[in-house]
Amino acid sequence: MEIWINPACSKCRSALSLLDAEKAEYTVRYYLEDPPTVEELHAVLTKLGLEPWDIARLGEPEADTLGLASWARDETQRDRWLEALAAHPALIQRPIITADDGTAVIGRSPDAVRSILP
C-alpha cells in the first residue's frame, strides 16, 4: 500500500494514524517533494474511477493562477488537466491511498481509509 501525503495536512495525518492503529503496512510518498508523473496520475485515476478534475483542489492559489475553474471538463482537455496536476502537485486532492490489490481511495474520511484495508 502507498499513501500520497502532505505532512502539513490534517486529513493526511489522520489517515496515517488510522493506518498505524490498524497495523497496516504502507509506504509514504511526499507527493509535493516527489510529484507523480502524468502516467502515474493516469494510473491512479483509473484505480479511483475518477477524472483529473475530480481530484483537483480548486481553492489553491495555483488553481486561480492557472484559471483551472474555467477549464473544460471533458476528454479533449484531460491531458491538459493531467499535465497541470503533475506540474503543480499542490492541486492534487489528498491523501490518496493505493492498495496492492489495485484499488485506491481518497482517504479524507476514516471510512474511506478503512475501505482500503484488507
PDB file of N, CA and C in Angstrom:
ATOM      1  N   MET A   1       0.848  -1.163   0.000  1.00  0.00           N
ATOM      2  CA  MET A   1       0.000   0.000   0.000  1.00  0.00           C
ATOM      3  C   MET A   1       0.899   1.233   0.000  1.00  0.00           C
ATOM      4  N   GLU A   2       0.456   2.257  -0.738  1.00  0.00           N
ATOM      5  CA  GLU A   2       1.185   3.521  -0.775  1.00  0.00           C
ATOM      6  C   GLU A   2       0.197   4.644  -0.491  1.00  0.00           C
ATOM      7  N   ILE A   3       0.641   5.642   0.269  1.00  0.00           N
ATOM      8  CA  ILE A   3      -0.193   6.800   0.582  1.00  0.00           C
ATOM      9  C   ILE A   3       0.555   8.060   0.180  1.00  0.00           C
ATOM     10  N   TRP A   4      -0.107   8.881  -0.626  1.00  0.00           N
ATOM     11  CA  TRP A   4       0.446  10.170  -1.030  1.00  0.00           C
ATOM     12  C   TRP A   4      -0.021  11.201  -0.028  1.00  0.00           C
ATOM     13  N   ILE A   5       0.938  11.856   0.620  1.00  0.00           N
ATOM     14  CA  ILE A   5       0.563  12.812   1.661  1.00  0.00           C
ATOM     15  C   ILE A   5       1.306  14.133   1.555  1.00  0.00           C
ATOM     16  N   ASN A   6       0.720  15.114   2.201  1.00  0.00           N
ATOM     17  CA  ASN A   6       1.349  16.381   2.532  1.00  0.00           C
ATOM     18  C   ASN A   6       1.370  16.377   4.062  1.00  0.00           C
ATOM     19  N   PRO A   7       2.549  16.354   4.687  1.00  0.00           N
ATOM     20  CA  PRO A   7       2.592  16.254   6.141  1.00  0.00           C
ATOM     21  C   PRO A   7       1.917  17.412   6.872  1.00  0.00           C
ATOM     22  N   ALA A   8       1.691  18.532   6.200  1.00  0.00           N
ATOM     23  CA  ALA A   8       1.009  19.674   6.826  1.00  0.00           C
ATOM     24  C   ALA A   8      -0.511  19.510   6.828  1.00  0.00           C
ATOM     25  N   CYS A   9      -1.008  18.478   6.175  1.00  0.00           N
ATOM     26  CA  CYS A   9      -2.447  18.268   6.023  1.00  0.00           C
ATOM     27  C   CYS A   9      -2.997  17.416   7.166  1.00  0.00           C
ATOM     28  N   SER A  10      -4.014  17.913   7.838  1.00  0.00           N
ATOM     29  CA  SER A  10      -4.596  17.176   8.967  1.00  0.00           C
ATOM     30  C   SER A  10      -5.267  15.881   8.503  1.00  0.00           C
ATOM     31  N   LYS A  11      -5.873  15.875   7.328  1.00  0.00           N
ATOM     32  CA  LYS A  11      -6.507  14.648   6.808  1.00  0.00           C
ATOM     33  C   LYS A  11      -5.451  13.576   6.545  1.00  0.00           C
ATOM     34  N   CYS A  12      -4.296  13.998   6.066  1.00  0.00           N
ATOM     35  CA  CYS A  12      -3.193  13.050   5.817  1.00  0.00           C
ATOM     36  C   CYS A  12      -2.688  12.472   7.143  1.00  0.00           C
ATOM     37  N   ARG A  13      -2.506  13.324   8.128  1.00  0.00           N
ATOM     38  CA  ARG A  13      -2.029  12.845   9.434  1.00  0.00           C
ATOM     39  C   ARG A  13      -3.046  11.903  10.060  1.00  0.00           C
ATOM     40  N   SER A  14      -4.324  12.211   9.916  1.00  0.00           N
ATOM     41  CA  SER A  14      -5.376  11.327  10.446  1.00  0.00           C
ATOM     42  C   SER A  14      -5.357   9.976   9.744  1.00  0.00           C
ATOM     43  N   ALA A  15      -5.177   9.984   8.429  1.00  0.00           N
ATOM     44  CA  ALA A  15      -5.127   8.727   7.673  1.00  0.00           C
ATOM     45  C   ALA A  15      -3.938   7.882   8.121  1.00  0.00           C
ATOM     46  N   LEU A  16      -2.784   8.520   8.315  1.00  0.00           N
ATOM     47  CA  LEU A  16      -1.600   7.788   8.784  1.00  0.00           C
ATOM     48  C   LEU A  16      -1.840   7.198  10.171  1.00  0.00           C
ATOM     49  N   SER A  17      -2.455   7.957  11.050  1.00  0.00           N
ATOM     50  CA  SER A  17      -2.750   7.463  12.403  1.00  0.00           C
ATOM     51  C   SER A  17      -3.662   6.248  12.346  1.00  0.00           C
ATOM     52  N   LEU A  18      -4.656   6.301  11.489  1.00  0.00           N
ATOM     53  CA  LEU A  18      -5.573   5.177  11.362  1.00  0.00           C
ATOM     54  C   LEU A  18      -4.862   3.953  10.782  1.00  0.00           C
ATOM     55  N   LEU A  19      -4.039   4.158   9.762  1.00  0.00           N
ATOM     56  CA  LEU A  19      -3.282   3.038   9.198  1.00  0.00           C
ATOM     57  C   LEU A  19      -2.361   2.429  10.246  1.00  0.00           C
ATOM     58  N   ASP A  20      -1.724   3.275  11.043  1.00  0.00           N
ATOM     59  CA  ASP A  20      -0.852   2.778  12.111  1.00  0.00           C
ATOM     60  C   ASP A  20      -1.647   2.006  13.155  1.00  0.00           C
ATOM     61  N   ALA A  21      -2.800   2.516  13.539  1.00  0.00           N
ATOM     62  CA  ALA A  21      -3.636   1.849  14.536  1.00  0.00           C
ATOM     63  C   ALA A  21      -4.089   0.482  14.040  1.00  0.00           C
ATOM     64  N   GLU A  22      -4.280   0.358  12.731  1.00  0.00           N
ATOM     65  CA  GLU A  22      -4.703  -0.920  12.134  1.00  0.00           C
ATOM     66  C   GLU A  22      -3.508  -1.798  11.776  1.00  0.00           C
ATOM     67  N   LYS A  23      -2.309  -1.311  12.109  1.00  0.00           N
ATOM     68  CA  LYS A  23      -1.063  -2.025  11.814  1.00  0.00           C
ATOM     69  C   LYS A  23      -0.912  -2.369  10.328  1.00  0.00           C
ATOM     70  N   ALA A  24      -1.353  -1.456   9.495  1.00  0.00           N
ATOM     71  CA  ALA A  24      -1.238  -1.634   8.045  1.00  0.00           C
ATOM     72  C   ALA A  24       0.203  -1.382   7.609  1.00  0.00           C
ATOM     73  N   GLU A  25       0.622  -2.109   6.605  1.00  0.00           N
ATOM     74  CA  GLU A  25       1.939  -1.886   6.017  1.00  0.00           C
ATOM     75  C   GLU A  25       1.758  -0.942   4.839  1.00  0.00           C
ATOM     76  N   TYR A  26       2.541   0.121   4.819  1.00  0.00           N
ATOM     77  CA  TYR A  26       2.404   1.107   3.760  1.00  0.00           C
ATOM     78  C   TYR A  26       3.703   1.868   3.557  1.00  0.00           C
ATOM     79  N   THR A  27       3.778   2.494   2.402  1.00  0.00           N
ATOM     80  CA  THR A  27       4.891   3.366   2.052  1.00  0.00           C
ATOM     81  C   THR A  27       4.330   4.773   1.917  1.00  0.00           C
ATOM     82  N   VAL A  28       5.039   5.740   2.456  1.00  0.00           N
ATOM     83  CA  VAL A  28       4.618   7.137   2.360  1.00  0.00           C
ATOM     84  C   VAL A  28       5.314   7.781   1.167  1.00  0.00           C
ATOM     85  N   ARG A  29       4.540   8.501   0.405  1.00  0.00           N
ATOM     86  CA  ARG A  29       5.102   9.316  -0.680  1.00  0.00           C
ATOM     87  C   ARG A  29       4.723  10.761  -0.401  1.00  0.00           C
ATOM     88  N   TYR A  30       5.738  11.570  -0.216  1.00  0.00           N
ATOM     89  CA  TYR A  30       5.532  13.005  -0.017  1.00  0.00           C
ATOM     90  C   TYR A  30       5.399  13.623  -1.406  1.00  0.00           C
ATOM     91  N   TYR A  31       4.175  13.656  -1.895  1.00  0.00           N
ATOM     92  CA  TYR A  31       3.956  13.957  -3.301  1.00  0.00           C
ATOM     93  C   TYR A  31       4.273  15.400  -3.697  1.00  0.00           C
ATOM     94  N   LEU A  32       4.425  16.291  -2.729  1.00  0.00           N
ATOM     95  CA  LEU A  32       4.855  17.650  -3.084  1.00  0.00           C
ATOM     96  C   LEU A  32       6.350  17.667  -3.407  1.00  0.00           C
ATOM     97  N   GLU A  33       7.109  16.798  -2.748  1.00  0.00           N
ATOM     98  CA  GLU A  33       8.545  16.692  -2.992  1.00  0.00           C
ATOM     99  C   GLU A  33       8.859  15.723  -4.132  1.00  0.00           C
ATOM    100  N   ASP A  34       8.014  14.724  -4.293  1.00  0.00           N
ATOM    101  CA  ASP A  34       8.182  13.682  -5.312  1.00  0.00           C
ATOM    102  C   ASP A  34       6.882  13.598  -6.110  1.00  0.00           C
ATOM    103  N   PRO A  35       6.635  14.589  -6.973  1.00  0.00           N
ATOM    104  CA  PRO A  35       5.350  14.655  -7.677  1.00  0.00           C
ATOM    105  C   PRO A  35       5.124  13.463  -8.598  1.00  0.00           C
ATOM    106  N   PRO A  36       3.879  13.031  -8.690  1.00  0.00           N
ATOM    107  CA  PRO A  36       3.573  11.951  -9.621  1.00  0.00           C
ATOM    108  C   PRO A  36       3.695  12.441 -11.063  1.00  0.00           C
ATOM    109  N   THR A  37       4.057  11.529 -11.934  1.00  0.00           N
ATOM    110  CA  THR A  37       4.114  11.830 -13.358  1.00  0.00           C
ATOM    111  C   THR A  37       2.697  11.794 -13.934  1.00  0.00           C
ATOM    112  N   VAL A  38       2.579  12.256 -15.152  1.00  0.00           N
ATOM    113  CA  VAL A  38       1.294  12.173 -15.844  1.00  0.00           C
ATOM    114  C   VAL A  38       0.837  10.720 -15.910  1.00  0.00           C
ATOM    115  N   GLU A  39       1.776   9.817 -16.188  1.00  0.00           N
ATOM    116  CA  GLU A  39       1.445   8.391 -16.282  1.00  0.00           C
ATOM    117  C   GLU A  39       0.976   7.842 -14.939  1.00  0.00           C
ATOM    118  N   GLU A  40       1.636   8.230 -13.858  1.00  0.00           N
ATOM    119  CA  GLU A  40       1.216   7.782 -12.524  1.00  0.00           C
ATOM    120  C   GLU A  40      -0.163   8.326 -12.175  1.00  0.00           C
ATOM    121  N   LEU A  41      -0.407   9.575 -12.509  1.00  0.00           N
ATOM    122  CA  LEU A  41      -1.726  10.159 -12.254  1.00  0.00           C
ATOM    123  C   LEU A  41      -2.803   9.420 -13.046  1.00  0.00           C
ATOM    124  N   HIS A  42      -2.509   9.124 -14.293  1.00  0.00           N
ATOM    125  CA  HIS A  42      -3.464   8.385 -15.121  1.00  0.00           C
ATOM    126  C   HIS A  42      -3.782   7.032 -14.474  1.00  0.00           C
ATOM    127  N   ALA A  43      -2.754   6.323 -14.013  1.00  0.00           N
ATOM    128  CA  ALA A  43      -2.951   5.009 -13.387  1.00  0.00           C
ATOM    129  C   ALA A  43      -3.780   5.123 -12.112  1.00  0.00           C
ATOM    130  N   VAL A  44      -3.489   6.119 -11.282  1.00  0.00           N
ATOM    131  CA  VAL A  44      -4.227   6.300 -10.029  1.00  0.00           C
ATOM    132  C   VAL A  44      -5.684   6.679 -10.320  1.00  0.00           C
ATOM    133  N   LEU A  45      -5.882   7.540 -11.282  1.00  0.00           N
ATOM    134  CA  LEU A  45      -7.249   7.934 -11.632  1.00  0.00           C
ATOM    135  C   LEU A  45      -8.054   6.747 -12.150  1.00  0.00           C
ATOM    136  N   THR A  46      -7.410   5.863 -12.889  1.00  0.00           N
ATOM    137  CA  THR A  46      -8.088   4.650 -13.361  1.00  0.00           C
ATOM    138  C   THR A  46      -8.515   3.812 -12.166  1.00  0.00           C
ATOM    139  N   LYS A  47      -7.622   3.652 -11.185  1.00  0.00           N
ATOM    140  CA  LYS A  47      -7.951   2.887  -9.975  1.00  0.00           C
ATOM    141  C   LYS A  47      -9.069   3.554  -9.178  1.00  0.00           C
ATOM    142  N   LEU A  48      -9.052   4.872  -9.131  1.00  0.00           N
ATOM    143  CA  LEU A  48     -10.073   5.617  -8.391  1.00  0.00           C
ATOM    144  C   LEU A  48     -11.406   5.676  -9.141  1.00  0.00           C
ATOM    145  N   GLY A  49     -11.358   5.481 -10.462  1.00  0.00           N
ATOM    146  CA  GLY A  49     -12.563   5.635 -11.270  1.00  0.00           C
ATOM    147  C   GLY A  49     -12.974   7.091 -11.389  1.00  0.00           C
ATOM    148  N   LEU A  50     -11.987   7.987 -11.380  1.00  0.00           N
ATOM    149  CA  LEU A  50     -12.242   9.423 -11.420  1.00  0.00           C
ATOM    150  C   LEU A  50     -11.504  10.078 -12.581  1.00  0.00           C
ATOM    151  N   GLU A  51     -11.832  11.325 -12.815  1.00  0.00           N
ATOM    152  CA  GLU A  51     -11.164  12.146 -13.823  1.00  0.00           C
ATOM    153  C   GLU A  51     -10.247  13.132 -13.108  1.00  0.00           C
ATOM    154  N   PRO A  52      -9.276  13.711 -13.816  1.00  0.00           N
ATOM    155  CA  PRO A  52      -8.340  14.626 -13.146  1.00  0.00           C
ATOM    156  C   PRO A  52      -9.023  15.809 -12.465  1.00  0.00           C
ATOM    157  N   TRP A  53     -10.077  16.330 -13.062  1.00  0.00           N
ATOM    158  CA  TRP A  53     -10.786  17.468 -12.453  1.00  0.00           C
ATOM    159  C   TRP A  53     -11.501  17.068 -11.169  1.00  0.00           C
ATOM    160  N   ASP A  54     -11.755  15.762 -10.998  1.00  0.00           N
ATOM    161  CA  ASP A  54     -12.400  15.283  -9.771  1.00  0.00           C
ATOM    162  C   ASP A  54     -11.464  15.325  -8.567  1.00  0.00           C
ATOM    163  N   ILE A  55     -10.148  15.301  -8.813  1.00  0.00           N
ATOM    164  CA  ILE A  55      -9.194  15.309  -7.697  1.00  0.00           C
ATOM    165  C   ILE A  55      -8.443  16.635  -7.592  1.00  0.00           C
ATOM    166  N   ALA A  56      -8.878  17.627  -8.354  1.00  0.00           N
ATOM    167  CA  ALA A  56      -8.207  18.929  -8.336  1.00  0.00           C
ATOM    168  C   ALA A  56      -8.711  19.773  -7.172  1.00  0.00           C
ATOM    169  N   ARG A  57      -7.775  20.414  -6.499  1.00  0.00           N
ATOM    170  CA  ARG A  57      -8.083  21.327  -5.402  1.00  0.00           C
ATOM    171  C   ARG A  57      -8.196  22.736  -5.990  1.00  0.00           C
ATOM    172  N   LEU A  58      -9.412  23.143  -6.301  1.00  0.00           N
ATOM    173  CA  LEU A  58      -9.637  24.416  -6.980  1.00  0.00           C
ATOM    174  C   LEU A  58      -9.460  25.624  -6.071  1.00  0.00           C
ATOM    175  N   GLY A  59      -9.369  25.405  -4.768  1.00  0.00           N
ATOM    176  CA  GLY A  59      -9.181  26.510  -3.834  1.00  0.00           C
ATOM    177  C   GLY A  59      -7.723  26.909  -3.636  1.00  0.00           C
ATOM    178  N   GLU A  60      -6.810  26.195  -4.265  1.00  0.00           N
ATOM    179  CA  GLU A  60      -5.389  26.508  -4.122  1.00  0.00           C
ATOM    180  C   GLU A  60      -5.012  27.727  -4.970  1.00  0.00           C
ATOM    181  N   PRO A  61      -4.042  28.522  -4.515  1.00  0.00           N
ATOM    182  CA  PRO A  61      -3.625  29.703  -5.284  1.00  0.00           C
ATOM    183  C   PRO A  61      -3.213  29.363  -6.719  1.00  0.00           C
ATOM    184  N   GLU A  62      -2.537  28.214  -6.901  1.00  0.00           N
ATOM    185  CA  GLU A  62      -2.117  27.832  -8.255  1.00  0.00           C
ATOM    186  C   GLU A  62      -3.318  27.612  -9.179  1.00  0.00           C
ATOM    187  N   ALA A  63      -4.424  27.119  -8.607  1.00  0.00           N
ATOM    188  CA  ALA A  63      -5.633  26.911  -9.410  1.00  0.00           C
ATOM    189  C   ALA A  63      -6.147  28.246  -9.942  1.00  0.00           C
ATOM    190  N   ASP A  64      -6.098  29.278  -9.104  1.00  0.00           N
ATOM    191  CA  ASP A  64      -6.513  30.612  -9.542  1.00  0.00           C
ATOM    192  C   ASP A  64      -5.573  31.142 -10.613  1.00  0.00           C
ATOM    193  N   THR A  65      -4.276  30.973 -10.378  1.00  0.00           N
ATOM    194  CA  THR A  65      -3.281  31.450 -11.335  1.00  0.00           C
ATOM    195  C   THR A  65      -3.478  30.815 -12.707  1.00  0.00           C
ATOM    196  N   LEU A  66      -3.777  29.523 -12.715  1.00  0.00           N
ATOM    197  CA  LEU A  66      -3.975  28.801 -13.972  1.00  0.00           C
ATOM    198  C   LEU A  66      -5.364  29.016 -14.568  1.00  0.00           C
ATOM    199  N   GLY A  67      -6.294  29.535 -13.778  1.00  0.00           N
ATOM    200  CA  GLY A  67      -7.678  29.667 -14.224  1.00  0.00           C
ATOM    201  C   GLY A  67      -8.365  28.320 -14.338  1.00  0.00           C
ATOM    202  N   LEU A  68      -7.953  27.375 -13.499  1.00  0.00           N
ATOM    203  CA  LEU A  68      -8.403  25.984 -13.565  1.00  0.00           C
ATOM    204  C   LEU A  68      -9.918  25.834 -13.518  1.00  0.00           C
ATOM    205  N   ALA A  69     -10.575  26.645 -12.737  1.00  0.00           N
ATOM    206  CA  ALA A  69     -12.036  26.527 -12.590  1.00  0.00           C
ATOM    207  C   ALA A  69     -12.764  26.726 -13.915  1.00  0.00           C
ATOM    208  N   SER A  70     -12.153  27.438 -14.846  1.00  0.00           N
ATOM    209  CA  SER A  70     -12.815  27.705 -16.129  1.00  0.00           C
ATOM    210  C   SER A  70     -12.451  26.688 -17.215  1.00  0.00           C
ATOM    211  N   TRP A  71     -11.547  25.763 -16.913  1.00  0.00           N
ATOM    212  CA  TRP A  71     -11.152  24.782 -17.919  1.00  0.00           C
ATOM    213  C   TRP A  71     -12.291  23.805 -18.189  1.00  0.00           C
ATOM    214  N   ALA A  72     -12.412  23.405 -19.434  1.00  0.00           N
ATOM    215  CA  ALA A  72     -13.413  22.405 -19.808  1.00  0.00           C
ATOM    216  C   ALA A  72     -13.094  21.082 -19.108  1.00  0.00           C
ATOM    217  N   ARG A  73     -14.153  20.404 -18.733  1.00  0.00           N
ATOM    218  CA  ARG A  73     -14.006  19.116 -18.056  1.00  0.00           C
ATOM    219  C   ARG A  73     -14.529  18.020 -18.987  1.00  0.00           C
ATOM    220  N   ASP A  74     -13.722  17.747 -19.993  1.00  0.00           N
ATOM    221  CA  ASP A  74     -14.088  16.715 -20.947  1.00  0.00           C
ATOM    222  C   ASP A  74     -12.824  16.041 -21.485  1.00  0.00           C
ATOM    223  N   GLU A  75     -13.039  15.008 -22.259  1.00  0.00           N
ATOM    224  CA  GLU A  75     -11.925  14.189 -22.756  1.00  0.00           C
ATOM    225  C   GLU A  75     -10.908  15.005 -23.549  1.00  0.00           C
ATOM    226  N   THR A  76     -11.364  16.037 -24.248  1.00  0.00           N
ATOM    227  CA  THR A  76     -10.432  16.830 -25.056  1.00  0.00           C
ATOM    228  C   THR A  76      -9.442  17.604 -24.190  1.00  0.00           C
ATOM    229  N   GLN A  77      -9.803  17.848 -22.940  1.00  0.00           N
ATOM    230  CA  GLN A  77      -8.937  18.613 -22.036  1.00  0.00           C
ATOM    231  C   GLN A  77      -8.275  17.754 -20.963  1.00  0.00           C
ATOM    232  N   ARG A  78      -8.501  16.456 -20.997  1.00  0.00           N
ATOM    233  CA  ARG A  78      -7.982  15.556 -19.956  1.00  0.00           C
ATOM    234  C   ARG A  78      -6.463  15.658 -19.815  1.00  0.00           C
ATOM    235  N   ASP A  79      -5.746  15.635 -20.932  1.00  0.00           N
ATOM    236  CA  ASP A  79      -4.282  15.708 -20.879  1.00  0.00           C
ATOM    237  C   ASP A  79      -3.811  17.030 -20.276  1.00  0.00           C
ATOM    238  N   ARG A  80      -4.505  18.102 -20.593  1.00  0.00           N
ATOM    239  CA  ARG A  80      -4.169  19.422 -20.031  1.00  0.00           C
ATOM    240  C   ARG A  80      -4.285  19.382 -18.502  1.00  0.00           C
ATOM    241  N   TRP A  81      -5.374  18.783 -18.010  1.00  0.00           N
ATOM    242  CA  TRP A  81      -5.572  18.656 -16.563  1.00  0.00           C
ATOM    243  C   TRP A  81      -4.471  17.799 -15.940  1.00  0.00           C
ATOM    244  N   LEU A  82      -4.164  16.661 -16.566  1.00  0.00           N
ATOM    245  CA  LEU A  82      -3.128  15.771 -16.033  1.00  0.00           C
ATOM    246  C   LEU A  82      -1.781  16.492 -15.961  1.00  0.00           C
ATOM    247  N   GLU A  83      -1.439  17.209 -17.007  1.00  0.00           N
ATOM    248  CA  GLU A  83      -0.173  17.942 -17.030  1.00  0.00           C
ATOM    249  C   GLU A  83      -0.138  19.013 -15.940  1.00  0.00           C
ATOM    250  N   ALA A  84      -1.256  19.688 -15.718  1.00  0.00           N
ATOM    251  CA  ALA A  84      -1.311  20.714 -14.665  1.00  0.00           C
ATOM    252  C   ALA A  84      -1.135  20.093 -13.285  1.00  0.00           C
ATOM    253  N   LEU A  85      -1.775  18.958 -13.042  1.00  0.00           N
ATOM    254  CA  LEU A  85      -1.631  18.291 -11.735  1.00  0.00           C
ATOM    255  C   LEU A  85      -0.213  17.791 -11.521  1.00  0.00           C
ATOM    256  N   ALA A  86       0.411  17.283 -12.574  1.00  0.00           N
ATOM    257  CA  ALA A  86       1.792  16.809 -12.456  1.00  0.00           C
ATOM    258  C   ALA A  86       2.752  17.978 -12.210  1.00  0.00           C
ATOM    259  N   ALA A  87       2.508  19.096 -12.870  1.00  0.00           N
ATOM    260  CA  ALA A  87       3.380  20.269 -12.725  1.00  0.00           C
ATOM    261  C   ALA A  87       3.140  21.031 -11.426  1.00  0.00           C
ATOM    262  N   HIS A  88       1.934  20.907 -10.883  1.00  0.00           N
ATOM    263  CA  HIS A  88       1.550  21.637  -9.667  1.00  0.00           C
ATOM    264  C   HIS A  88       0.903  20.652  -8.690  1.00  0.00           C
ATOM    265  N   PRO A  89       1.699  19.803  -8.047  1.00  0.00           N
ATOM    266  CA  PRO A  89       1.122  18.747  -7.207  1.00  0.00           C
ATOM    267  C   PRO A  89       0.280  19.246  -6.035  1.00  0.00           C
ATOM    268  N   ALA A  90       0.440  20.496  -5.631  1.00  0.00           N
ATOM    269  CA  ALA A  90      -0.406  21.029  -4.552  1.00  0.00           C
ATOM    270  C   ALA A  90      -1.878  21.035  -4.957  1.00  0.00           C
ATOM    271  N   LEU A  91      -2.144  20.908  -6.247  1.00  0.00           N
ATOM    272  CA  LEU A  91      -3.513  20.889  -6.741  1.00  0.00           C
ATOM    273  C   LEU A  91      -4.192  19.527  -6.566  1.00  0.00           C
ATOM    274  N   ILE A  92      -3.422  18.509  -6.189  1.00  0.00           N
ATOM    275  CA  ILE A  92      -3.963  17.154  -6.076  1.00  0.00           C
ATOM    276  C   ILE A  92      -4.613  16.949  -4.711  1.00  0.00           C
ATOM    277  N   GLN A  93      -5.838  16.442  -4.740  1.00  0.00           N
ATOM    278  CA  GLN A  93      -6.553  16.096  -3.508  1.00  0.00           C
ATOM    279  C   GLN A  93      -5.731  15.080  -2.711  1.00  0.00           C
ATOM    280  N   ARG A  94      -5.812  15.138  -1.413  1.00  0.00           N
ATOM    281  CA  ARG A  94      -5.009  14.263  -0.564  1.00  0.00           C
ATOM    282  C   ARG A  94      -5.790  13.805   0.646  1.00  0.00           C
ATOM    283  N   PRO A  95      -5.372  12.727   1.253  1.00  0.00           N
ATOM    284  CA  PRO A  95      -4.367  11.757   0.814  1.00  0.00           C
ATOM    285  C   PRO A  95      -4.967  10.769  -0.185  1.00  0.00           C
ATOM    286  N   ILE A  96      -4.139  10.278  -1.068  1.00  0.00           N
ATOM    287  CA  ILE A  96      -4.544   9.219  -1.986  1.00  0.00           C
ATOM    288  C   ILE A  96      -3.833   7.953  -1.545  1.00  0.00           C
ATOM    289  N   ILE A  97      -4.603   6.901  -1.375  1.00  0.00           N
ATOM    290  CA  ILE A  97      -4.053   5.617  -0.926  1.00  0.00           C
ATOM    291  C   ILE A  97      -4.314   4.585  -2.010  1.00  0.00           C
ATOM    292  N   THR A  98      -3.246   3.906  -2.421  1.00  0.00           N
ATOM    293  CA  THR A  98      -3.381   2.816  -3.387  1.00  0.00           C
ATOM    294  C   THR A  98      -2.987   1.523  -2.694  1.00  0.00           C
ATOM    295  N   ALA A  99      -3.770   0.498  -2.943  1.00  0.00           N
ATOM    296  CA  ALA A  99      -3.515  -0.803  -2.332  1.00  0.00           C
ATOM    297  C   ALA A  99      -2.893  -1.745  -3.355  1.00  0.00           C
ATOM    298  N   ASP A 100      -2.251  -2.772  -2.847  1.00  0.00           N
ATOM    299  CA  ASP A 100      -1.599  -3.744  -3.711  1.00  0.00           C
ATOM    300  C   ASP A 100      -2.588  -4.503  -4.589  1.00  0.00           C
ATOM    301  N   ASP A 101      -3.858  -4.548  -4.187  1.00  0.00           N
ATOM    302  CA  ASP A 101      -4.854  -5.285  -4.970  1.00  0.00           C
ATOM    303  C   ASP A 101      -5.403  -4.471  -6.145  1.00  0.00           C
ATOM    304  N   GLY A 102      -4.847  -3.262  -6.358  1.00  0.00           N
ATOM    305  CA  GLY A 102      -5.266  -2.449  -7.492  1.00  0.00           C
ATOM    306  C   GLY A 102      -6.355  -1.446  -7.185  1.00  0.00           C
ATOM    307  N   THR A 103      -6.809  -1.387  -5.946  1.00  0.00           N
ATOM    308  CA  THR A 103      -7.820  -0.413  -5.570  1.00  0.00           C
ATOM    309  C   THR A 103      -7.157   0.862  -5.052  1.00  0.00           C
ATOM    310  N   ALA A 104      -7.932   1.927  -4.995  1.00  0.00           N
ATOM    311  CA  ALA A 104      -7.424   3.197  -4.487  1.00  0.00           C
ATOM    312  C   ALA A 104      -8.583   4.002  -3.924  1.00  0.00           C
ATOM    313  N   VAL A 105      -8.264   4.892  -2.977  1.00  0.00           N
ATOM    314  CA  VAL A 105      -9.254   5.794  -2.410  1.00  0.00           C
ATOM    315  C   VAL A 105      -8.602   7.141  -2.118  1.00  0.00           C
ATOM    316  N   ILE A 106      -9.450   8.145  -2.054  1.00  0.00           N
ATOM    317  CA  ILE A 106      -9.028   9.427  -1.491  1.00  0.00           C
ATOM    318  C   ILE A 106      -9.427   9.328  -0.027  1.00  0.00           C
ATOM    319  N   GLY A 107      -8.441   9.255   0.840  1.00  0.00           N
ATOM    320  CA  GLY A 107      -8.671   8.944   2.247  1.00  0.00           C
ATOM    321  C   GLY A 107      -8.966  10.136   3.126  1.00  0.00           C
ATOM    322  N   ARG A 108      -9.947  10.923   2.774  1.00  0.00           N
ATOM    323  CA  ARG A 108     -10.274  12.120   3.557  1.00  0.00           C
ATOM    324  C   ARG A 108     -11.149  11.819   4.760  1.00  0.00           C
ATOM    325  N   SER A 109     -11.719  10.625   4.811  1.00  0.00           N
ATOM    326  CA  SER A 109     -12.530  10.254   5.974  1.00  0.00           C
ATOM    327  C   SER A 109     -12.022   8.925   6.525  1.00  0.00           C
ATOM    328  N   PRO A 110     -12.256   8.671   7.811  1.00  0.00           N
ATOM    329  CA  PRO A 110     -11.853   7.374   8.369  1.00  0.00           C
ATOM    330  C   PRO A 110     -12.486   6.201   7.626  1.00  0.00           C
ATOM    331  N   ASP A 111     -13.746   6.343   7.216  1.00  0.00           N
ATOM    332  CA  ASP A 111     -14.403   5.257   6.484  1.00  0.00           C
ATOM    333  C   ASP A 111     -13.709   4.970   5.163  1.00  0.00           C
ATOM    334  N   ALA A 112     -13.291   6.021   4.461  1.00  0.00           N
ATOM    335  CA  ALA A 112     -12.585   5.837   3.189  1.00  0.00           C
ATOM    336  C   ALA A 112     -11.265   5.110   3.417  1.00  0.00           C
ATOM    337  N   VAL A 113     -10.531   5.497   4.462  1.00  0.00           N
ATOM    338  CA  VAL A 113      -9.265   4.830   4.775  1.00  0.00           C
ATOM    339  C   VAL A 113      -9.506   3.364   5.110  1.00  0.00           C
ATOM    340  N   ARG A 114     -10.499   3.103   5.944  1.00  0.00           N
ATOM    341  CA  ARG A 114     -10.808   1.716   6.334  1.00  0.00           C
ATOM    342  C   ARG A 114     -11.206   0.871   5.128  1.00  0.00           C
ATOM    343  N   SER A 115     -11.832   1.492   4.140  1.00  0.00           N
ATOM    344  CA  SER A 115     -12.306   0.733   2.966  1.00  0.00           C
ATOM    345  C   SER A 115     -11.170   0.139   2.152  1.00  0.00           C
ATOM    346  N   ILE A 116      -9.981   0.645   2.312  1.00  0.00           N
ATOM    347  CA  ILE A 116      -8.831   0.175   1.528  1.00  0.00           C
ATOM    348  C   ILE A 116      -8.058  -0.919   2.266  1.00  0.00           C
ATOM    349  N   LEU A 117      -8.368  -1.090   3.540  1.00  0.00           N
ATOM    350  CA  LEU A 117      -7.649  -2.086   4.342  1.00  0.00           C
ATOM    351  C   LEU A 117      -8.094  -3.494   3.967  1.00  0.00           C
ATOM    352  N   PRO A 118      -7.159  -4.446   4.031  1.00  0.00           N
ATOM    353  CA  PRO A 118      -7.525  -5.830   3.692  1.00  0.00           C
ATOM    354  C   PRO A 118      -8.513  -6.417   4.703  1.00  0.00           C
TER     355      PRO A 118
END
